[in-house]
C-alpha atoms as a PDB file:
ATOM      1  CA  MET A   1      83.524 111.234  93.597  1.00  0.00           C
ATOM      2  CA  ARG A   2      86.655 111.134  95.847  1.00  0.00           C
ATOM      3  CA  ARG A   3      85.541 112.007  99.334  1.00  0.00           C
ATOM      4  CA  GLU A   4      86.987 115.714 100.238  1.00  0.00           C
ATOM      5  CA  PHE A   5      88.474 114.710 103.266  1.00  0.00           C
ATOM      6  CA  PRO A   6      89.182 111.539 105.606  1.00  0.00           C
ATOM      7  CA  GLU A   7      86.552 109.934 107.735  1.00  0.00           C
ATOM      8  CA  GLU A   8      87.740 109.490 111.761  1.00  0.00           C
ATOM      9  CA  GLY A   9      89.312 105.913 112.375  1.00  0.00           C
ATOM     10  CA  ASP A  10      90.993 106.822 108.852  1.00  0.00           C
ATOM     11  CA  ILE A  11      95.062 105.753 107.671  1.00  0.00           C
ATOM     12  CA  VAL A  12      96.215 108.204 105.470  1.00  0.00           C
ATOM     13  CA  ILE A  13      99.662 108.580 104.329  1.00  0.00           C
ATOM     14  CA  GLY A  14     101.299 112.540 103.896  1.00  0.00           C
ATOM     15  CA  THR A  15     104.824 114.026 103.265  1.00  0.00           C
ATOM     16  CA  VAL A  16     105.763 116.627 107.224  1.00  0.00           C
ATOM     17  CA  LYS A  17     105.499 120.299 105.517  1.00  0.00           C
ATOM     18  CA  ASP A  18     106.511 122.049 108.632  1.00  0.00           C
ATOM     19  CA  VAL A  19     106.969 121.467 112.350  1.00  0.00           C
ATOM     20  CA  LYS A  20     106.706 123.549 115.509  1.00  0.00           C
ATOM     21  CA  PRO A  21     107.607 122.930 118.865  1.00  0.00           C
ATOM     22  CA  TYR A  22     103.983 121.840 119.603  1.00  0.00           C
ATOM     23  CA  GLY A  23     103.464 119.827 116.079  1.00  0.00           C
ATOM     24  CA  ALA A  24     103.564 118.647 112.435  1.00  0.00           C
ATOM     25  CA  PHE A  25     101.952 119.363 109.954  1.00  0.00           C
ATOM     26  CA  VAL A  26     100.882 116.832 107.271  1.00  0.00           C
ATOM     27  CA  GLU A  27     100.380 117.316 103.568  1.00  0.00           C
ATOM     28  CA  LEU A  28      97.567 114.276 103.076  1.00  0.00           C
ATOM     29  CA  LEU A  29      98.676 113.229  99.360  1.00  0.00           C
ATOM     30  CA  GLU A  30      95.433 111.025  99.022  1.00  0.00           C
ATOM     31  CA  TYR A  31      93.751 114.384  99.673  1.00  0.00           C
ATOM     32  CA  PRO A  32      94.911 117.268  97.313  1.00  0.00           C
ATOM     33  CA  GLY A  33      94.806 120.774  98.959  1.00  0.00           C
ATOM     34  CA  LYS A  34      93.995 119.405 102.316  1.00  0.00           C
ATOM     35  CA  GLU A  35      96.501 118.993 105.548  1.00  0.00           C
ATOM     36  CA  GLY A  36      96.679 117.513 108.834  1.00  0.00           C
ATOM     37  CA  MET A  37      98.704 118.525 112.357  1.00  0.00           C
ATOM     38  CA  ILE A  38     100.063 115.974 114.737  1.00  0.00           C
ATOM     39  CA  HIS A  39     100.002 116.944 117.555  1.00  0.00           C
ATOM     40  CA  ILE A  40     103.840 116.796 120.108  1.00  0.00           C
ATOM     41  CA  SER A  41     101.448 114.755 122.445  1.00  0.00           C
ATOM     42  CA  GLU A  42     100.111 111.919 118.987  1.00  0.00           C
ATOM     43  CA  VAL A  43     104.044 111.275 117.755  1.00  0.00           C
ATOM     44  CA  THR A  44     105.018 108.779 120.070  1.00  0.00           C
ATOM     45  CA  SER A  45     104.564 107.112 123.099  1.00  0.00           C
ATOM     46  CA  GLY A  46     105.981 108.317 125.772  1.00  0.00           C
ATOM     47  CA  TRP A  47     107.383 112.239 126.571  1.00  0.00           C
ATOM     48  CA  VAL A  48     108.924 113.732 123.881  1.00  0.00           C
ATOM     49  CA  LYS A  49     111.466 116.335 124.211  1.00  0.00           C
ATOM     50  CA  ASN A  50     111.893 117.652 120.882  1.00  0.00           C
ATOM     51  CA  ILE A  51     109.901 116.939 118.207  1.00  0.00           C
ATOM     52  CA  ARG A  52     112.592 117.319 115.503  1.00  0.00           C
ATOM     53  CA  ASP A  53     114.201 114.225 116.698  1.00  0.00           C
ATOM     54  CA  HIS A  54     110.899 112.205 115.793  1.00  0.00           C
ATOM     55  CA  VAL A  55     109.527 114.504 112.489  1.00  0.00           C
ATOM     56  CA  LYS A  56     111.607 116.069 109.877  1.00  0.00           C
ATOM     57  CA  VAL A  57     110.262 118.137 107.097  1.00  0.00           C
ATOM     58  CA  GLY A  58     110.094 115.743 103.878  1.00  0.00           C
ATOM     59  CA  GLN A  59     109.177 112.924 105.606  1.00  0.00           C
ATOM     60  CA  ARG A  60     106.685 110.359 104.449  1.00  0.00           C
ATOM     61  CA  VAL A  61     104.285 109.253 107.600  1.00  0.00           C
ATOM     62  CA  VAL A  62     101.981 107.271 108.063  1.00  0.00           C
ATOM     63  CA  ALA A  63      99.173 108.550 110.158  1.00  0.00           C
ATOM     64  CA  LYS A  64      95.594 107.784 111.792  1.00  0.00           C
ATOM     65  CA  VAL A  65      92.594 110.065 111.313  1.00  0.00           C
ATOM     66  CA  LEU A  66      91.875 111.062 115.299  1.00  0.00           C
ATOM     67  CA  ARG A  67      89.353 114.003 114.346  1.00  0.00           C
ATOM     68  CA  VAL A  68      88.172 115.849 111.711  1.00  0.00           C
ATOM     69  CA  ASP A  69      86.716 119.548 111.379  1.00  0.00           C
ATOM     70  CA  GLU A  70      85.305 119.896 107.518  1.00  0.00           C
ATOM     71  CA  ARG A  71      83.729 123.127 108.639  1.00  0.00           C
ATOM     72  CA  LYS A  72      87.169 124.689 109.691  1.00  0.00           C
ATOM     73  CA  GLY A  73      89.660 121.752 107.627  1.00  0.00           C
ATOM     74  CA  HIS A  74      90.481 120.964 110.821  1.00  0.00           C
ATOM     75  CA  ILE A  75      92.464 117.614 110.310  1.00  0.00           C
ATOM     76  CA  ASP A  76      94.585 115.639 113.843  1.00  0.00           C
ATOM     77  CA  LEU A  77      96.362 113.473 113.183  1.00  0.00           C
ATOM     78  CA  SER A  78      98.375 110.091 115.253  1.00  0.00           C
ATOM     79  CA  LEU A  79     101.260 108.815 114.328  1.00  0.00           C
ATOM     80  CA  LYS A  80     101.524 106.755 117.523  1.00  0.00           C
ATOM     81  CA  ARG A  81      98.103 105.287 116.993  1.00  0.00           C
ATOM     82  CA  VAL A  82      99.041 103.425 113.913  1.00  0.00           C
ATOM     83  CA  THR A  83     100.590  99.705 114.197  1.00  0.00           C
ATOM     84  CA  GLU A  84     103.046  98.597 111.873  1.00  0.00           C
ATOM     85  CA  GLN A  85     100.902  96.217 109.754  1.00  0.00           C
ATOM     86  CA  GLN A  86      98.946  99.020 109.382  1.00  0.00           C
ATOM     87  CA  LYS A  87     101.613 101.069 108.365  1.00  0.00           C
ATOM     88  CA  ARG A  88     102.896  98.525 105.513  1.00  0.00           C
ATOM     89  CA  ALA A  89     100.193  98.101 103.847  1.00  0.00           C
ATOM     90  CA  LYS A  90      98.789 101.715 103.611  1.00  0.00           C
ATOM     91  CA  VAL A  91     102.767 102.423 101.927  1.00  0.00           C
ATOM     92  CA  GLN A  92     101.954  99.215  99.415  1.00  0.00           C
ATOM     93  CA  GLU A  93      98.496 100.822  98.637  1.00  0.00           C
ATOM     94  CA  TRP A  94      99.364 104.248  98.419  1.00  0.00           C
ATOM     95  CA  LYS A  95     102.414 102.583  95.564  1.00  0.00           C
ATOM     96  CA  ARG A  96      99.569 100.373  94.214  1.00  0.00           C
ATOM     97  CA  PHE A  97      97.635 103.918  93.487  1.00  0.00           C
ATOM     98  CA  GLN A  98     100.757 105.698  92.160  1.00  0.00           C
ATOM     99  CA  ARG A  99     100.506 102.946  90.032  1.00  0.00           C
ATOM    100  CA  ALA A 100      97.837 102.529  88.590  1.00  0.00           C
ATOM    101  CA  SER A 101      97.593 106.400  88.311  1.00  0.00           C
ATOM    102  CA  LYS A 102     100.185 106.557  86.316  1.00  0.00           C
ATOM    103  CA  MET A 103      98.333 103.641  83.914  1.00  0.00           C
ATOM    104  CA  LEU A 104      95.301 105.929  83.712  1.00  0.00           C
ATOM    105  CA  GLU A 105      96.855 109.068  82.530  1.00  0.00           C
ATOM    106  CA  ARG A 106      98.652 106.194  79.531  1.00  0.00           C
ATOM    107  CA  ALA A 107      95.073 105.807  78.683  1.00  0.00           C
ATOM    108  CA  ALA A 108      94.008 109.029  78.208  1.00  0.00           C
ATOM    109  CA  GLU A 109      97.026 110.047  76.516  1.00  0.00           C
ATOM    110  CA  LYS A 110      96.150 107.694  73.799  1.00  0.00           C
ATOM    111  CA  LEU A 111      92.533 109.120  73.711  1.00  0.00           C
ATOM    112  CA  GLY A 112      93.527 112.952  73.680  1.00  0.00           C
ATOM    113  CA  LYS A 113      91.821 112.828  77.471  1.00  0.00           C
ATOM    114  CA  SER A 114      93.495 114.635  80.868  1.00  0.00           C
ATOM    115  CA  LEU A 115      94.409 113.171  83.430  1.00  0.00           C
ATOM    116  CA  GLU A 116      91.506 114.657  85.548  1.00  0.00           C
ATOM    117  CA  GLU A 117      89.289 113.922  82.760  1.00  0.00           C
ATOM    118  CA  ALA A 118      89.907 110.352  82.889  1.00  0.00           C
ATOM    119  CA  TRP A 119      89.688 110.259  86.563  1.00  0.00           C
ATOM    120  CA  GLU A 120      85.783 112.167  85.537  1.00  0.00           C
ATOM    121  CA  GLU A 121      84.951 109.053  82.733  1.00  0.00           C
ATOM    122  CA  VAL A 122      86.161 105.948  84.445  1.00  0.00           C
ATOM    123  CA  GLY A 123      88.494 106.423  87.481  1.00  0.00           C
ATOM    124  CA  TYR A 124      86.054 106.817  90.247  1.00  0.00           C
ATOM    125  CA  LEU A 125      83.638 104.606  88.192  1.00  0.00           C
ATOM    126  CA  LEU A 126      86.353 101.980  88.604  1.00  0.00           C
ATOM    127  CA  GLU A 127      87.298 102.563  92.122  1.00  0.00           C
ATOM    128  CA  ASP A 128      84.017 102.437  93.523  1.00  0.00           C
ATOM    129  CA  GLU A 129      83.288  98.984  91.178  1.00  0.00           C
ATOM    130  CA  PHE A 130      87.001  97.512  91.754  1.00  0.00           C
ATOM    131  CA  GLY A 131      87.588  99.155  95.776  1.00  0.00           C
ATOM    132  CA  GLU A 132      90.711 100.820  93.762  1.00  0.00           C
ATOM    133  CA  LEU A 133      91.860 101.544  90.781  1.00  0.00           C
ATOM    134  CA  TYR A 134      94.718  99.064  90.443  1.00  0.00           C
ATOM    135  CA  ASN A 135      92.730  96.545  91.137  1.00  0.00           C
ATOM    136  CA  ALA A 136      90.175  97.602  88.053  1.00  0.00           C
ATOM    137  CA  PHE A 137      93.974  97.003  85.680  1.00  0.00           C
ATOM    138  CA  GLU A 138      94.167  93.612  87.328  1.00  0.00           C
ATOM    139  CA  THR A 139      90.737  92.338  86.715  1.00  0.00           C
ATOM    140  CA  MET A 140      91.728  92.859  83.355  1.00  0.00           C
ATOM    141  CA  VAL A 141      94.217  91.489  83.058  1.00  0.00           C
ATOM    142  CA  ILE A 142      92.899  88.251  84.322  1.00  0.00           C
ATOM    143  CA  GLU A 143      89.649  87.857  83.114  1.00  0.00           C
ATOM    144  CA  GLY A 144      89.582  89.990  80.300  1.00  0.00           C
ATOM    145  CA  LYS A 145      87.875  93.958  79.460  1.00  0.00           C
ATOM    146  CA  GLU A 146      84.736  91.521  79.705  1.00  0.00           C
ATOM    147  CA  VAL A 147      84.744  92.484  82.953  1.00  0.00           C
ATOM    148  CA  LEU A 148      84.292  96.262  82.087  1.00  0.00           C
ATOM    149  CA  ASP A 149      80.722  95.639  80.431  1.00  0.00           C
ATOM    150  CA  ASP A 150      78.098  96.304  83.398  1.00  0.00           C
ATOM    151  CA  LEU A 151      79.622  99.187  83.600  1.00  0.00           C
ATOM    152  CA  GLU A 152      78.838 102.152  82.065  1.00  0.00           C
ATOM    153  CA  ILE A 153      81.917 103.036  80.214  1.00  0.00           C
ATOM    154  CA  SER A 154      82.037 103.922  76.316  1.00  0.00           C
ATOM    155  CA  GLU A 155      84.383 101.629  74.626  1.00  0.00           C
ATOM    156  CA  GLU A 156      86.661 103.380  72.915  1.00  0.00           C
ATOM    157  CA  TRP A 157      87.401 103.794  77.363  1.00  0.00           C
ATOM    158  CA  LYS A 158      87.144  99.851  77.214  1.00  0.00           C
ATOM    159  CA  ASN A 159      89.610  99.084  74.650  1.00  0.00           C
ATOM    160  CA  VAL A 160      92.388 101.515  75.850  1.00  0.00           C
ATOM    161  CA  LEU A 161      92.082 100.741  79.376  1.00  0.00           C
ATOM    162  CA  TYR A 162      92.634  96.740  78.493  1.00  0.00           C
ATOM    163  CA  GLU A 163      95.322  97.883  76.201  1.00  0.00           C
ATOM    164  CA  VAL A 164      97.413  99.698  78.995  1.00  0.00           C
ATOM    165  CA  ALA A 165      96.791  96.408  82.317  1.00  0.00           C
ATOM    166  CA  LYS A 166      97.897  93.663  79.533  1.00  0.00           C
ATOM    167  CA  GLU A 167     101.273  96.800  78.594  1.00  0.00           C
ATOM    168  CA  SER A 168     101.758  97.542  82.145  1.00  0.00           C
ATOM    169  CA  ILE A 169     100.877  94.323  84.122  1.00  0.00           C
ATOM    170  CA  GLU A 170     102.825  91.077  84.901  1.00  0.00           C
ATOM    171  CA  LEU A 171     100.730  88.580  86.673  1.00  0.00           C
ATOM    172  CA  THR A 172     103.010  85.987  89.062  1.00  0.00           C
ATOM    173  CA  ASN A 173     101.530  82.842  89.802  1.00  0.00           C
ATOM    174  CA  VAL A 174      99.971  81.533  92.846  1.00  0.00           C
ATOM    175  CA  GLU A 175      98.991  79.257  95.308  1.00  0.00           C
ATOM    176  CA  VAL A 176      96.879  77.401  96.542  1.00  0.00           C
ATOM    177  CA  GLU A 177      96.408  74.819  99.321  1.00  0.00           C
ATOM    178  CA  GLY A 178      94.304  71.972 100.330  1.00  0.00           C
ATOM    179  CA  ILE A 179      94.349  68.877 102.586  1.00  0.00           C
ATOM    180  CA  ILE A 180      92.634  66.053 101.158  1.00  0.00           C
ATOM    181  CA  GLU A 181      92.196  63.079 104.205  1.00  0.00           C
ATOM    182  CA  MET A 182      91.560  59.558 102.878  1.00  0.00           C
ATOM    183  CA  LYS A 183      91.097  56.238 104.413  1.00  0.00           C
ATOM    184  CA  SER A 184      90.818  52.654 102.793  1.00  0.00           C
ATOM    185  CA  TYR A 185      89.938  49.517 104.603  1.00  0.00           C
ATOM    186  CA  ALA A 186      90.926  46.545 101.682  1.00  0.00           C
ATOM    187  CA  PRO A 187      94.076  44.620 101.951  1.00  0.00           C
ATOM    188  CA  ASP A 188      95.615  46.495  99.668  1.00  0.00           C
ATOM    189  CA  GLY A 189      94.386  50.053 100.677  1.00  0.00           C
ATOM    190  CA  ILE A 190      97.406  51.811 100.444  1.00  0.00           C
ATOM    191  CA  LYS A 191      97.672  51.358  96.697  1.00  0.00           C
ATOM    192  CA  GLN A 192      93.603  52.333  96.355  1.00  0.00           C
ATOM    193  CA  ILE A 193      94.824  55.288  97.624  1.00  0.00           C
ATOM    194  CA  LYS A 194      97.971  55.795  95.216  1.00  0.00           C
ATOM    195  CA  LYS A 195      94.760  55.279  92.970  1.00  0.00           C
ATOM    196  CA  ALA A 196      92.767  57.956  93.666  1.00  0.00           C
ATOM    197  CA  LEU A 197      95.492  60.560  93.771  1.00  0.00           C
ATOM    198  CA  THR A 198      96.395  59.348  89.701  1.00  0.00           C
ATOM    199  CA  THR A 199      93.040  59.362  89.076  1.00  0.00           C
ATOM    200  CA  ALA A 200      92.780  62.915  90.694  1.00  0.00           C
ATOM    201  CA  LEU A 201      95.391  64.477  88.715  1.00  0.00           C
ATOM    202  CA  LYS A 202      94.285  63.890  85.618  1.00  0.00           C
ATOM    203  CA  ALA A 203      91.019  66.049  86.670  1.00  0.00           C
ATOM    204  CA  ASN A 204      93.365  69.622  86.375  1.00  0.00           C
ATOM    205  CA  PRO A 205      92.195  70.596  82.892  1.00  0.00           C
ATOM    206  CA  TYR A 206      94.952  73.527  82.288  1.00  0.00           C
ATOM    207  CA  GLU A 207      98.049  73.056  81.315  1.00  0.00           C
ATOM    208  CA  ASP A 208      98.961  76.243  82.563  1.00  0.00           C
ATOM    209  CA  VAL A 209      98.239  74.928  86.181  1.00  0.00           C
ATOM    210  CA  GLU A 210     100.193  72.704  87.891  1.00  0.00           C
ATOM    211  CA  VAL A 211      99.288  70.548  90.605  1.00  0.00           C
ATOM    212  CA  LYS A 212     101.400  68.328  93.317  1.00  0.00           C
ATOM    213  CA  ILE A 213     100.065  66.256  96.046  1.00  0.00           C
ATOM    214  CA  THR A 214     102.345  65.007  99.008  1.00  0.00           C
ATOM    215  CA  TYR A 215     101.834  62.837 101.692  1.00  0.00           C
ATOM    216  CA  ILE A 216     101.809  64.926 105.098  1.00  0.00           C
ATOM    217  CA  GLY A 217     100.702  61.798 107.495  1.00  0.00           C
ATOM    218  CA  ALA A 218      98.291  59.522 107.480  1.00  0.00           C
ATOM    219  CA  PRO A 219      95.367  59.726 106.535  1.00  0.00           C
ATOM    220  CA  LYS A 220      95.977  63.294 105.255  1.00  0.00           C
ATOM    221  CA  TYR A 221      97.563  64.405 101.764  1.00  0.00           C
ATOM    222  CA  ARG A 222      98.196  68.466 100.532  1.00  0.00           C
ATOM    223  CA  VAL A 223      97.168  69.275  97.363  1.00  0.00           C
ATOM    224  CA  VAL A 224      98.800  72.501  96.272  1.00  0.00           C
ATOM    225  CA  VAL A 225      98.881  74.256  92.882  1.00  0.00           C
ATOM    226  CA  ILE A 226     100.385  76.703  91.469  1.00  0.00           C
ATOM    227  CA  ALA A 227      98.065  78.689  88.745  1.00  0.00           C
ATOM    228  CA  PRO A 228      98.312  81.619  87.292  1.00  0.00           C
ATOM    229  CA  ASP A 229      95.465  83.613  88.878  1.00  0.00           C
ATOM    230  CA  TYR A 230      93.361  82.835  92.157  1.00  0.00           C
ATOM    231  CA  LYS A 231      90.545  81.638  89.706  1.00  0.00           C
ATOM    232  CA  SER A 232      91.614  78.730  87.703  1.00  0.00           C
ATOM    233  CA  GLY A 233      93.827  77.857  91.046  1.00  0.00           C
ATOM    234  CA  GLU A 234      90.260  77.316  93.087  1.00  0.00           C
ATOM    235  CA  GLU A 235      88.679  75.975  90.076  1.00  0.00           C
ATOM    236  CA  VAL A 236      91.452  73.416  89.862  1.00  0.00           C
ATOM    237  CA  LEU A 237      91.690  72.618  93.629  1.00  0.00           C
ATOM    238  CA  LYS A 238      88.632  71.741  93.482  1.00  0.00           C
ATOM    239  CA  LYS A 239      88.371  69.594  90.921  1.00  0.00           C
ATOM    240  CA  VAL A 240      91.340  67.615  91.468  1.00  0.00           C
ATOM    241  CA  CYS A 241      90.162  67.061  95.571  1.00  0.00           C
ATOM    242  CA  GLU A 242      86.697  66.270  94.361  1.00  0.00           C
ATOM    243  CA  LYS A 243      88.150  64.034  92.152  1.00  0.00           C
ATOM    244  CA  ALA A 244      90.103  61.992  95.236  1.00  0.00           C
ATOM    245  CA  VAL A 245      87.144  62.351  97.056  1.00  0.00           C
ATOM    246  CA  GLU A 246      84.745  60.744  95.009  1.00  0.00           C
ATOM    247  CA  THR A 247      87.074  58.000  93.468  1.00  0.00           C
ATOM    248  CA  ILE A 248      88.461  56.310  96.450  1.00  0.00           C
ATOM    249  CA  LYS A 249      84.453  56.244  98.148  1.00  0.00           C
ATOM    250  CA  LYS A 250      83.934  54.524  94.688  1.00  0.00           C
ATOM    251  CA  LEU A 251      87.030  52.078  96.041  1.00  0.00           C
ATOM    252  CA  GLY A 252      84.768  51.206  98.682  1.00  0.00           C
ATOM    253  CA  GLY A 253      87.419  53.436 101.563  1.00  0.00           C
ATOM    254  CA  GLU A 254      86.561  56.832 103.069  1.00  0.00           C
ATOM    255  CA  GLY A 255      87.419  60.649 102.202  1.00  0.00           C
ATOM    256  CA  SER A 256      86.901  64.543 102.413  1.00  0.00           C
ATOM    257  CA  TYR A 257      88.656  67.590 101.958  1.00  0.00           C
ATOM    258  CA  TYR A 258      89.186  71.058 103.408  1.00  0.00           C
ATOM    259  CA  ARG A 259      90.493  74.609 101.971  1.00  0.00           C
ATOM    260  CA  GLU A 260      93.731  76.054 103.454  1.00  0.00           C
ATOM    261  CA  SER A 261      95.268  79.733 103.520  1.00  0.00           C
ATOM    262  CA  LYS A 262      96.577  81.044 100.016  1.00  0.00           C
ATOM    263  CA  LYS A 263      99.299  82.036  99.396  1.00  0.00           C
END
């Protein structure tokens, strides 16, 4: 079940419902029926002459939870303690949640159920398993409805969730990168390295995965794999790099590879 209250330190998103001289009251979008208060001292760094110059009724805000008193229902918030990175990440997370909630609602309608019933029967379970609801739908598209097999979800729900996921999510290609380092001490060393790289390209087993190898500077070569998902991208990167290293070593040279960050 979803928590009724946020916890201290959480980043939350909400809508300003009222502004007083001493602070602003915010409806928390992720916690229905809950409201937090931003004291004037937590609006921005420095002295605030008029709080209405900084927050207005109807404004969407991202805040940090400072204190929670569940018994009294009080939630103290801060705007100034939220970084720009946290703000962008929270807005993106909220957009994903809204989209996923709409998808869950469509799935529920196909079964003649309400959104509330959908959350109780499968929504919270999917959040617990995949971290967030959108991740669940996205994983279904990538790996198939089999990812739900270990969960206590009926076949009826599995089928309709998978159907909605495929209808709603269009995956874009991702890139994964690695660096191969190779040396050859043979007179025709350049030729042997080219042979190792050519052999490596043939290790890609998928038609929908593209592999590019470019020269960085001796002894480094960049491998870029463009794939429909990270799982196949990582698999192909590993196969290609391992084949290149294996081949150059068979030819009497040296080789190794390492992973670069995802894009």
